[in-house]
Amino acid sequence: MDMMSMVTSMLAAQAGNTQMQVATTIMKSNADSEKSTVLTLLGAAQQNMSSLANVGAGVGGNLNISA
């Protein structure tokens, strides 16, 4: 193997490593964002359930969603 091909292969390996680090960072950011979204939705659902705790039985049972 000549010197130029070894240098080229080392640079390619470093570039691949950098790409993997960037991809890992983006994936972690996406996972954190998804976690935040889920927690927000769960919090909203909890608030809605507690606000419906004082309504009478059968309220909201018949809902027409065809319109």
N, C-alpha and C. Protein backbone atom coordinates (compact mmCIF):
# COMPACT_ATOMS: atom_id res chain seq x y z
N MET A 1 0.86 -1.17 0.00
CA MET A 1 0.00 0.00 0.00
C MET A 1 0.90 1.23 0.00
N ASP A 2 0.64 2.13 -0.88
CA ASP A 2 1.48 3.33 -0.91
C ASP A 2 1.00 4.34 0.12
N MET A 3 1.79 5.36 0.34
CA MET A 3 1.54 6.34 1.39
C MET A 3 0.24 7.13 1.14
N MET A 4 -0.02 7.49 -0.10
CA MET A 4 -1.21 8.29 -0.41
C MET A 4 -2.49 7.53 -0.11
N SER A 5 -2.54 6.25 -0.42
CA SER A 5 -3.75 5.48 -0.16
C SER A 5 -3.96 5.29 1.35
N MET A 6 -2.88 5.16 2.13
CA MET A 6 -3.02 5.06 3.57
C MET A 6 -3.56 6.36 4.15
N VAL A 7 -3.05 7.49 3.69
CA VAL A 7 -3.53 8.78 4.17
C VAL A 7 -5.00 8.96 3.79
N THR A 8 -5.35 8.60 2.57
CA THR A 8 -6.74 8.72 2.11
C THR A 8 -7.67 7.85 2.95
N SER A 9 -7.24 6.63 3.24
CA SER A 9 -8.09 5.75 4.04
C SER A 9 -8.24 6.26 5.47
N MET A 10 -7.19 6.84 6.03
CA MET A 10 -7.28 7.40 7.38
C MET A 10 -8.22 8.61 7.41
N LEU A 11 -8.14 9.46 6.39
CA LEU A 11 -9.04 10.61 6.32
C LEU A 11 -10.49 10.17 6.14
N ALA A 12 -10.69 9.12 5.35
CA ALA A 12 -12.05 8.60 5.16
C ALA A 12 -12.59 8.04 6.47
N ALA A 13 -11.73 7.36 7.23
CA ALA A 13 -12.16 6.82 8.52
C ALA A 13 -12.52 7.94 9.49
N GLN A 14 -11.75 9.00 9.50
CA GLN A 14 -12.05 10.14 10.38
C GLN A 14 -13.35 10.81 9.97
N ALA A 15 -13.59 10.95 8.67
CA ALA A 15 -14.83 11.55 8.18
C ALA A 15 -16.03 10.68 8.57
N GLY A 16 -15.87 9.38 8.45
CA GLY A 16 -16.94 8.47 8.86
C GLY A 16 -17.24 8.57 10.34
N ASN A 17 -16.20 8.70 11.14
CA ASN A 17 -16.38 8.84 12.58
C ASN A 17 -17.13 10.13 12.90
N THR A 18 -16.76 11.20 12.22
CA THR A 18 -17.44 12.48 12.44
C THR A 18 -18.90 12.38 12.05
N GLN A 19 -19.19 11.71 10.93
CA GLN A 19 -20.58 11.54 10.50
C GLN A 19 -21.37 10.74 11.52
N MET A 20 -20.76 9.72 12.09
CA MET A 20 -21.44 8.92 13.11
C MET A 20 -21.73 9.75 14.36
N GLN A 21 -20.80 10.60 14.76
CA GLN A 21 -21.02 11.45 15.93
C GLN A 21 -22.16 12.43 15.68
N VAL A 22 -22.20 13.01 14.49
CA VAL A 22 -23.28 13.95 14.16
C VAL A 22 -24.62 13.20 14.14
N ALA A 23 -24.65 12.02 13.53
CA ALA A 23 -25.89 11.24 13.47
C ALA A 23 -26.37 10.87 14.87
N THR A 24 -25.45 10.49 15.74
CA THR A 24 -25.81 10.14 17.12
C THR A 24 -26.39 11.34 17.84
N THR A 25 -25.80 12.50 17.65
CA THR A 25 -26.30 13.72 18.30
C THR A 25 -27.70 14.06 17.81
N ILE A 26 -27.93 13.93 16.50
CA ILE A 26 -29.25 14.23 15.94
C ILE A 26 -30.29 13.23 16.46
N MET A 27 -29.92 11.95 16.51
CA MET A 27 -30.86 10.94 17.00
C MET A 27 -31.21 11.19 18.46
N LYS A 28 -30.23 11.58 19.28
CA LYS A 28 -30.50 11.87 20.69
C LYS A 28 -31.42 13.08 20.81
N SER A 29 -31.19 14.09 19.98
CA SER A 29 -32.03 15.27 20.00
C SER A 29 -33.46 14.92 19.61
N ASN A 30 -33.61 14.07 18.59
CA ASN A 30 -34.95 13.65 18.18
C ASN A 30 -35.63 12.84 19.28
N ALA A 31 -34.89 11.99 19.94
CA ALA A 31 -35.46 11.19 21.02
C ALA A 31 -35.90 12.08 22.18
N ASP A 32 -35.09 13.09 22.51
CA ASP A 32 -35.46 14.02 23.58
C ASP A 32 -36.71 14.80 23.21
N SER A 33 -36.81 15.18 21.95
CA SER A 33 -37.98 15.92 21.47
C SER A 33 -39.23 15.04 21.55
N GLU A 34 -39.11 13.79 21.13
CA GLU A 34 -40.24 12.87 21.21
C GLU A 34 -40.66 12.65 22.66
N LYS A 35 -39.70 12.52 23.53
CA LYS A 35 -40.00 12.32 24.96
C LYS A 35 -40.75 13.53 25.50
N SER A 36 -40.31 14.71 25.13
CA SER A 36 -40.98 15.93 25.59
C SER A 36 -42.41 15.99 25.07
N THR A 37 -42.61 15.61 23.81
CA THR A 37 -43.95 15.61 23.23
C THR A 37 -44.86 14.63 23.95
N VAL A 38 -44.36 13.45 24.23
CA VAL A 38 -45.17 12.44 24.92
C VAL A 38 -45.52 12.92 26.32
N LEU A 39 -44.56 13.48 27.03
CA LEU A 39 -44.84 13.97 28.37
C LEU A 39 -45.86 15.10 28.35
N THR A 40 -45.78 15.96 27.34
CA THR A 40 -46.76 17.04 27.21
C THR A 40 -48.15 16.48 26.97
N LEU A 41 -48.25 15.50 26.07
CA LEU A 41 -49.55 14.90 25.79
C LEU A 41 -50.11 14.17 27.01
N LEU A 42 -49.25 13.48 27.74
CA LEU A 42 -49.72 12.79 28.93
C LEU A 42 -50.18 13.78 30.00
N GLY A 43 -49.46 14.89 30.12
CA GLY A 43 -49.87 15.93 31.07
C GLY A 43 -51.20 16.54 30.69
N ALA A 44 -51.41 16.78 29.40
CA ALA A 44 -52.69 17.33 28.94
C ALA A 44 -53.82 16.35 29.18
N ALA A 45 -53.56 15.07 28.97
CA ALA A 45 -54.59 14.06 29.22
C ALA A 45 -54.94 13.99 30.69
N GLN A 46 -53.95 14.10 31.55
CA GLN A 46 -54.20 14.09 33.00
C GLN A 46 -55.07 15.27 33.40
N GLN A 47 -54.77 16.45 32.84
CA GLN A 47 -55.54 17.64 33.17
C GLN A 47 -56.99 17.50 32.69
N ASN A 48 -57.17 16.94 31.49
CA ASN A 48 -58.52 16.75 30.96
C ASN A 48 -59.30 15.76 31.80
N MET A 49 -58.66 14.71 32.24
CA MET A 49 -59.35 13.72 33.06
C MET A 49 -59.76 14.31 34.40
N SER A 50 -58.91 15.12 34.98
CA SER A 50 -59.26 15.71 36.27
C SER A 50 -60.35 16.76 36.12
N SER A 51 -60.42 17.43 34.97
CA SER A 51 -61.47 18.43 34.78
C SER A 51 -62.82 17.76 34.52
N LEU A 52 -62.82 16.52 34.06
CA LEU A 52 -64.07 15.80 33.84
C LEU A 52 -64.50 14.98 35.05
N ALA A 53 -63.75 15.06 36.12
CA ALA A 53 -64.07 14.24 37.29
C ALA A 53 -65.38 14.66 37.94
N ASN A 54 -65.79 15.91 37.79
CA ASN A 54 -66.98 16.40 38.50
C ASN A 54 -68.25 16.41 37.65
N VAL A 55 -68.21 15.92 36.42
CA VAL A 55 -69.41 15.92 35.59
C VAL A 55 -70.25 14.70 35.91
N GLY A 56 -71.52 14.78 35.54
CA GLY A 56 -72.43 13.69 35.81
C GLY A 56 -72.16 12.46 34.98
N ALA A 57 -72.76 11.35 35.40
CA ALA A 57 -72.57 10.09 34.69
C ALA A 57 -73.19 10.18 33.31
N GLY A 58 -72.51 9.68 32.31
CA GLY A 58 -73.03 9.65 30.94
C GLY A 58 -72.72 10.89 30.13
N VAL A 59 -72.15 11.92 30.73
CA VAL A 59 -71.83 13.14 29.98
C VAL A 59 -70.66 12.83 29.04
N GLY A 60 -70.87 13.12 27.77
CA GLY A 60 -69.84 12.85 26.78
C GLY A 60 -69.86 11.44 26.25
N GLY A 61 -70.82 10.66 26.67
CA GLY A 61 -70.89 9.27 26.22
C GLY A 61 -71.32 9.12 24.78
N ASN A 62 -72.21 9.99 24.32
CA ASN A 62 -72.70 9.93 22.94
C ASN A 62 -72.13 11.11 22.19
N LEU A 63 -71.19 10.81 21.32
CA LEU A 63 -70.52 11.86 20.57
C LEU A 63 -70.65 11.56 19.09
N ASN A 64 -71.20 12.52 18.34
CA ASN A 64 -71.38 12.36 16.91
C ASN A 64 -70.16 12.92 16.21
N ILE A 65 -69.33 12.04 15.64
CA ILE A 65 -68.10 12.48 14.98
C ILE A 65 -68.22 12.43 13.47
N SER A 66 -69.43 12.23 12.95
CA SER A 66 -69.60 12.12 11.51
C SER A 66 -69.56 13.48 10.82
N ALA A 67 -69.78 14.56 11.53
CA ALA A 67 -69.81 15.90 10.90
C ALA A 67 -68.43 16.42 10.67
